[in-house]
């Protein structure tokens, strides 16, 4: 091969390298950490659903509803992180996944639609369990067996507050993940245009 041809190939490889290895950049690693954090916060939130026994569906109850479909976030988040530990995962994947989940979670918890899971539905079951279990609470009614409906169960407003805080942090984390994915896409485009090495 002619030296100039080898040089041309070498320069082309340098330009292409960031697009192949960009997922090993600090920005990409931050995306994976955010995805894992969102998965953990989501698991805490789903556990809260089960304890409250409202806004639940299959496999906790027989009904198929948004709770059921929301369980698919775990293979998307944890599965994506697992794949990313073995080979590059496109920032496009994280952008689409995070935007879809963020929009769903935001709508469900902040909509005025009565079918949504509003802050009162997280807080009041812990703050006033007797009224909640007797269907006298402003929270959406209990849909199945709940530890909160034990006659000896005391009011736990602090736990209700923590459930709300966890949900808010989850929403913020998902939108931060979407923003980080968008930034990584822009960085990758700039790296491909300039041939610069990956950076945070």
Protein backbone atom coordinates (compact mmCIF):
# COMPACT_ATOMS: atom_id res chain seq x y z
CA UNK A 1 0.00 0.00 0.00
CA UNK A 2 1.26 3.45 -0.88
CA UNK A 3 2.37 5.49 2.20
CA UNK A 4 -0.11 8.24 1.37
CA UNK A 5 -2.89 5.64 1.24
CA UNK A 6 -1.88 4.25 4.64
CA UNK A 7 -1.85 7.78 6.01
CA UNK A 8 -5.31 8.41 4.58
CA UNK A 9 -6.66 5.20 6.13
CA UNK A 10 -5.03 6.05 9.46
CA UNK A 11 -6.61 9.50 9.48
CA UNK A 12 -9.99 7.99 8.60
CA UNK A 13 -9.66 5.49 11.48
CA UNK A 14 -8.90 8.33 13.87
CA UNK A 15 -12.01 10.18 12.75
CA UNK A 16 -14.12 7.06 13.07
CA UNK A 17 -12.69 5.94 16.43
CA UNK A 18 -14.69 8.37 18.59
CA UNK A 19 -17.93 7.13 17.07
CA UNK A 20 -16.98 3.56 17.98
CA UNK A 21 -15.48 4.23 21.39
CA UNK A 22 -17.45 7.31 22.41
CA UNK A 23 -19.53 5.16 24.74
CA UNK A 24 -16.42 4.78 26.91
CA UNK A 25 -16.26 8.53 27.48
CA UNK A 26 -16.93 10.09 30.89
CA UNK A 27 -20.23 11.38 29.52
CA UNK A 28 -21.31 7.89 28.51
CA UNK A 29 -20.32 6.46 31.88
CA UNK A 30 -22.40 9.18 33.55
CA UNK A 31 -25.37 8.12 31.42
CA UNK A 32 -25.04 4.54 32.66
CA UNK A 33 -24.81 5.69 36.29
CA UNK A 34 -27.95 7.82 35.84
CA UNK A 35 -29.76 4.88 34.25
CA UNK A 36 -28.85 2.65 37.20
CA UNK A 37 -29.94 5.33 39.68
CA UNK A 38 -33.25 5.74 37.86
CA UNK A 39 -33.75 1.97 37.99
CA UNK A 40 -33.13 1.84 41.74
CA UNK A 41 -35.42 4.81 42.42
CA UNK A 42 -38.06 3.20 40.22
CA UNK A 43 -37.81 -0.04 42.20
CA UNK A 44 -38.32 1.89 45.44
CA UNK A 45 -41.33 3.62 43.90
CA UNK A 46 -42.87 0.33 42.73
CA UNK A 47 -42.31 -1.11 46.20
CA UNK A 48 -44.19 1.88 47.57
CA UNK A 49 -47.04 1.08 45.15
CA UNK A 50 -47.23 -2.45 46.53
CA UNK A 51 -47.17 -1.32 50.17
CA UNK A 52 -49.94 1.24 49.53
CA UNK A 53 -51.85 -1.13 47.25
CA UNK A 54 -53.23 1.67 45.11
CA UNK A 55 -52.50 2.27 41.43
CA UNK A 56 -51.33 -1.33 41.15
CA UNK A 57 -51.99 -3.92 38.47
CA UNK A 58 -50.77 -7.28 37.29
CA UNK A 59 -48.85 -9.15 38.71
CA UNK A 60 -50.04 -7.68 42.04
CA UNK A 61 -53.69 -7.70 40.98
CA UNK A 62 -55.44 -9.27 38.00
CA UNK A 63 -55.85 -6.02 36.09
CA UNK A 64 -53.57 -4.86 33.26
CA UNK A 65 -52.90 -1.14 33.62
CA UNK A 66 -50.06 1.43 33.50
CA UNK A 67 -48.46 -0.19 36.56
CA UNK A 68 -48.04 -3.40 34.55
CA UNK A 69 -46.48 -1.65 31.55
CA UNK A 70 -44.25 0.48 33.77
CA UNK A 71 -42.40 -2.70 34.82
CA UNK A 72 -40.79 -2.74 31.36
CA UNK A 73 -38.54 0.13 32.48
CA UNK A 74 -36.29 -2.35 34.27
CA UNK A 75 -35.13 -4.37 31.25
CA UNK A 76 -34.71 -1.07 29.38
CA UNK A 77 -32.62 0.60 32.10
CA UNK A 78 -30.79 -2.29 33.75
CA UNK A 79 -30.56 -4.24 30.49
CA UNK A 80 -29.08 -1.24 28.72
CA UNK A 81 -26.56 -0.72 31.51
CA UNK A 82 -25.61 -4.42 31.40
CA UNK A 83 -25.04 -4.28 27.64
CA UNK A 84 -23.07 -1.03 28.04
CA UNK A 85 -20.68 -2.82 30.41
CA UNK A 86 -19.80 -5.19 27.54
CA UNK A 87 -20.01 -3.12 24.38
CA UNK A 88 -20.94 0.42 23.30
CA UNK A 89 -24.59 1.43 23.51
CA UNK A 90 -25.70 4.32 21.36
CA UNK A 91 -26.66 7.53 23.12
CA UNK A 92 -29.71 7.47 20.84
CA UNK A 93 -30.94 4.44 22.78
CA UNK A 94 -30.62 6.24 26.10
CA UNK A 95 -32.24 9.38 24.71
CA UNK A 96 -35.33 7.56 23.41
CA UNK A 97 -35.65 5.36 26.52
CA UNK A 98 -35.19 8.19 29.02
CA UNK A 99 -37.55 10.56 27.19
CA UNK A 100 -40.26 7.91 26.91
CA UNK A 101 -40.03 6.96 30.60
CA UNK A 102 -39.64 10.57 31.79
CA UNK A 103 -42.72 11.73 29.87
CA UNK A 104 -44.78 8.79 31.13
CA UNK A 105 -43.76 9.22 34.78
CA UNK A 106 -44.22 12.99 34.63
CA UNK A 107 -47.68 12.70 33.08
CA UNK A 108 -48.85 10.00 35.51
CA UNK A 109 -47.82 11.97 38.61
CA UNK A 110 -48.57 15.54 37.58
CA UNK A 111 -51.67 15.24 35.40
CA UNK A 112 -55.03 16.53 36.60
CA UNK A 113 -56.62 13.43 35.06
CA UNK A 114 -58.27 11.47 37.91
CA UNK A 115 -56.68 8.29 36.54
CA UNK A 116 -53.25 9.68 37.37
CA UNK A 117 -51.27 8.93 40.50
CA UNK A 118 -51.05 12.29 42.21
CA UNK A 119 -49.01 13.32 45.22
CA UNK A 120 -51.97 12.75 47.55
CA UNK A 121 -52.06 9.10 46.47
CA UNK A 122 -48.49 8.65 47.67
CA UNK A 123 -48.67 10.67 50.88
CA UNK A 124 -52.12 10.18 52.41
CA UNK A 125 -52.10 6.36 52.69
CA UNK A 126 -49.19 6.69 55.13
CA UNK A 127 -50.39 9.88 56.82
CA UNK A 128 -53.96 8.68 57.47
CA UNK A 129 -54.02 4.88 57.03
CA UNK A 130 -57.32 4.37 58.88
CA UNK A 131 -59.22 6.79 56.66
CA UNK A 132 -57.43 5.45 53.58
CA UNK A 133 -58.32 1.83 54.28
CA UNK A 134 -61.93 2.79 55.08
CA UNK A 135 -62.14 4.64 51.73
CA UNK A 136 -62.66 7.94 53.56
CA UNK A 137 -59.43 9.50 52.33
CA UNK A 138 -58.85 11.91 49.45
CA UNK A 139 -56.30 9.41 48.15
CA UNK A 140 -57.39 6.95 45.49
CA UNK A 141 -58.80 3.82 47.17
CA UNK A 142 -56.83 0.78 48.24
CA UNK A 143 -57.08 -1.97 45.62
CA UNK A 144 -55.87 -5.00 47.54
CA UNK A 145 -54.22 -6.19 50.72
CA UNK A 146 -52.04 -3.48 52.24
CA UNK A 147 -49.76 -3.53 55.27
CA UNK A 148 -51.10 -0.06 56.02
CA UNK A 149 -54.55 -1.51 56.70
CA UNK A 150 -53.43 -3.43 59.77
CA UNK A 151 -55.57 -2.14 62.69
CA UNK A 152 -52.38 -1.51 64.63
CA UNK A 153 -50.73 0.42 61.80
CA UNK A 154 -49.87 3.93 63.02
CA UNK A 155 -49.79 7.06 60.91
CA UNK A 156 -46.41 7.45 59.21
CA UNK A 157 -46.43 10.87 57.52
CA UNK A 158 -42.63 10.87 57.33
CA UNK A 159 -42.65 7.75 55.17
CA UNK A 160 -45.34 9.31 53.00
CA UNK A 161 -43.16 12.36 52.59
CA UNK A 162 -40.17 10.20 51.66
CA UNK A 163 -42.30 8.39 49.07
CA UNK A 164 -43.11 11.75 47.48
CA UNK A 165 -39.47 12.86 47.59
CA UNK A 166 -38.36 9.58 45.99
CA UNK A 167 -40.84 10.11 43.16
CA UNK A 168 -39.63 13.67 42.60
CA UNK A 169 -35.99 12.58 42.52
CA UNK A 170 -36.94 9.81 40.08
CA UNK A 171 -38.57 12.31 37.72
CA UNK A 172 -35.55 14.65 37.99
CA UNK A 173 -33.14 11.77 37.36
CA UNK A 174 -35.01 10.67 34.24
CA UNK A 175 -34.97 14.16 32.75
CA UNK A 176 -31.30 14.52 33.69
CA UNK A 177 -30.61 11.22 31.91
CA UNK A 178 -32.39 12.52 28.82
CA UNK A 179 -30.38 15.75 28.90
CA UNK A 180 -27.10 13.87 29.40
CA UNK A 181 -27.93 11.59 26.47
CA UNK A 182 -28.64 14.59 24.25
CA UNK A 183 -25.35 16.22 25.25
CA UNK A 184 -23.46 12.99 24.53
CA UNK A 185 -25.00 12.85 21.06
CA UNK A 186 -23.85 16.40 20.36
CA UNK A 187 -20.36 15.61 21.69
CA UNK A 188 -20.19 12.54 19.49
CA UNK A 189 -21.15 14.59 16.46
CA UNK A 190 -18.50 17.18 17.22
CA UNK A 191 -15.88 14.45 17.77
CA UNK A 192 -16.68 12.88 14.42
CA UNK A 193 -16.41 16.26 12.72
CA UNK A 194 -13.13 17.27 14.36
CA UNK A 195 -11.49 13.90 15.07
CA UNK A 196 -11.01 14.92 18.72
CA UNK A 197 -10.70 12.15 21.36
CA UNK A 198 -13.64 11.45 23.69
CA UNK A 199 -13.94 13.80 26.64
CA UNK A 200 -16.35 14.44 29.53
